[in-house]
Protein backbone atom coordinates (compact mmCIF):
# COMPACT_ATOMS: atom_id res chain seq x y z
CA MET A 1 -45.61 2.67 53.03
CA ASP A 2 -45.29 0.88 56.35
CA ASP A 3 -46.18 -2.71 55.49
CA GLU A 4 -44.47 -5.28 57.71
CA ARG A 5 -44.45 -7.80 54.86
CA LEU A 6 -42.40 -5.40 52.76
CA THR A 7 -40.03 -4.35 55.52
CA THR A 8 -39.25 -7.93 56.59
CA ALA A 9 -39.16 -9.63 53.16
CA ARG A 10 -35.62 -10.55 52.18
CA VAL A 11 -35.96 -10.78 48.38
CA ALA A 12 -38.07 -9.39 45.55
CA ARG A 13 -38.15 -9.57 41.77
CA LEU A 14 -37.44 -6.48 39.68
CA ALA A 15 -38.82 -6.17 36.16
CA THR A 16 -37.35 -3.62 33.77
CA THR A 17 -37.80 -3.37 30.00
CA ASP A 18 -35.05 -4.30 27.54
CA PRO A 19 -34.35 -2.13 24.46
CA ASP A 20 -36.36 -4.56 22.33
CA GLY A 21 -39.40 -4.24 24.62
CA ARG A 22 -39.04 -7.58 26.38
CA PRO A 23 -39.25 -7.78 30.18
CA HIS A 24 -35.98 -8.30 32.06
CA LEU A 25 -36.60 -9.97 35.44
CA VAL A 26 -34.03 -10.40 38.21
CA PRO A 27 -34.11 -11.14 41.94
CA ILE A 28 -33.03 -8.27 44.17
CA VAL A 29 -32.52 -7.45 47.82
CA PHE A 30 -34.08 -4.19 48.85
CA VAL A 31 -35.08 -1.78 51.56
CA LEU A 32 -37.99 0.64 51.75
CA ASP A 33 -37.73 4.20 52.99
CA GLY A 34 -41.16 5.79 52.89
CA LYS A 35 -42.37 5.54 49.30
CA THR A 36 -38.92 4.84 47.86
CA LEU A 37 -37.43 1.39 47.39
CA TYR A 38 -33.65 1.04 47.19
CA SER A 39 -31.61 -1.81 45.75
CA ALA A 40 -27.86 -1.88 45.27
CA VAL A 41 -25.61 -3.80 42.95
CA ASP A 42 -23.57 -6.11 45.16
CA ARG A 43 -20.05 -7.40 44.62
CA LYS A 44 -20.99 -10.95 43.63
CA PRO A 45 -19.41 -11.95 40.29
CA LYS A 46 -21.33 -10.72 37.24
CA ARG A 47 -20.88 -11.43 33.55
CA SER A 48 -20.42 -7.71 32.96
CA GLN A 49 -19.87 -4.54 34.97
CA THR A 50 -22.67 -2.92 32.93
CA LEU A 51 -25.83 -4.49 34.31
CA ARG A 52 -28.90 -4.68 32.12
CA ARG A 53 -31.28 -3.76 34.97
CA ILE A 54 -29.38 -0.51 35.59
CA GLU A 55 -29.07 0.42 31.92
CA ASN A 56 -32.74 -0.44 31.32
CA ALA A 57 -33.77 1.80 34.23
CA ARG A 58 -31.65 4.68 32.94
CA VAL A 59 -33.47 4.63 29.57
CA ARG A 60 -36.92 3.27 30.53
CA PRO A 61 -37.52 4.14 34.20
CA ASP A 62 -40.95 2.52 34.56
CA VAL A 63 -40.34 -0.63 36.62
CA THR A 64 -42.32 -3.26 38.54
CA ILE A 65 -41.26 -5.06 41.71
CA LEU A 66 -42.93 -8.19 43.05
CA VAL A 67 -42.51 -9.23 46.68
CA ASP A 68 -44.17 -12.53 47.53
CA HIS A 69 -44.43 -15.30 50.09
CA TYR A 70 -45.10 -18.98 49.44
CA GLU A 71 -45.69 -21.87 51.77
CA GLU A 72 -47.60 -25.14 51.62
CA ASP A 73 -50.50 -23.67 53.59
CA TRP A 74 -52.01 -21.71 50.71
CA GLY A 75 -54.08 -19.65 53.11
CA ARG A 76 -50.84 -17.90 54.10
CA LEU A 77 -49.76 -16.93 50.58
CA TRP A 78 -49.44 -13.26 49.67
CA TRP A 79 -47.88 -10.95 47.13
CA VAL A 80 -47.37 -7.21 46.80
CA ARG A 81 -46.72 -5.59 43.44
CA LEU A 82 -45.07 -2.18 43.39
CA ARG A 83 -44.84 -0.01 40.30
CA GLY A 84 -42.76 3.10 40.08
CA ARG A 85 -40.18 5.29 38.39
CA ALA A 86 -36.56 4.29 38.78
CA ARG A 87 -33.60 6.58 39.25
CA VAL A 88 -29.99 5.39 39.14
CA LEU A 89 -27.86 6.86 41.92
CA ASP A 90 -24.20 6.75 40.95
CA THR A 91 -23.02 9.15 43.68
CA GLY A 92 -24.36 11.52 46.30
CA GLU A 93 -26.05 11.76 49.68
CA GLU A 94 -29.15 9.80 48.73
CA ARG A 95 -26.96 6.90 47.52
CA GLU A 96 -25.04 6.94 50.81
CA HIS A 97 -28.33 7.03 52.78
CA ALA A 98 -29.67 4.07 50.77
CA LEU A 99 -26.48 2.08 51.37
CA ALA A 100 -26.72 2.72 55.12
CA LEU A 101 -30.31 1.44 55.11
CA LEU A 102 -29.35 -1.64 53.10
CA GLN A 103 -26.43 -2.34 55.47
CA GLY A 104 -28.86 -2.15 58.38
CA LYS A 105 -31.06 -4.84 56.81
CA TYR A 106 -28.44 -7.12 55.26
CA PRO A 107 -25.32 -8.07 57.29
CA GLN A 108 -23.62 -9.15 54.04
CA TYR A 109 -23.51 -5.49 52.98
CA ARG A 110 -21.79 -4.53 56.22
CA LYS A 111 -19.00 -7.00 55.41
CA GLU A 112 -18.76 -6.03 51.73
CA PRO A 113 -20.43 -2.69 50.98
CA PRO A 114 -21.73 -2.39 47.41
CA ASP A 115 -19.51 -0.23 45.24
CA GLY A 116 -21.80 0.14 42.23
CA PRO A 117 -24.89 2.21 41.52
CA VAL A 118 -28.00 2.15 43.68
CA LEU A 119 -31.42 1.86 42.10
CA ALA A 120 -34.02 4.14 43.71
CA VAL A 121 -37.63 3.43 42.79
CA ASP A 122 -40.22 6.05 43.65
CA ILE A 123 -43.35 3.95 44.19
CA THR A 124 -46.42 5.23 42.35
CA ASP A 125 -48.75 2.22 42.69
CA MET A 126 -49.15 -0.71 45.08
CA ARG A 127 -51.38 -3.76 44.65
CA GLU A 128 -51.61 -6.72 46.97
CA TRP A 129 -53.21 -10.11 47.33
CA LEU A 130 -53.62 -12.16 50.49
CA GLY A 131 -54.47 -15.86 50.65
CA ALA A 132 -57.88 -16.78 51.99
């Protein structure tokens, strides 16, 4: 999956499913490595150390990610929707690899490396739309 829009985009939206079946939508930063998307839990203050997106993914791993671009010239609008199966990486080599990739993309992570779990999403479907 070598799409320049996806490799240069700075933010996406992650949708997981709550225990009651409702969608849970949050903005994320991310990096792609082949057909796997990685997103880490940063050190910004949170209401709880147990994040709903992580717990949702542990129990219901089917997730959707939307990466989009808006500007006033509607001919330049686009979005890419990724669907996949999430895995929560609490430790291990893949987690360390993902953190290194995220630090390469986001200088903020070089200053304050994430210390929580990493979400790995194995992409199974990609849909896109480009403005006319």
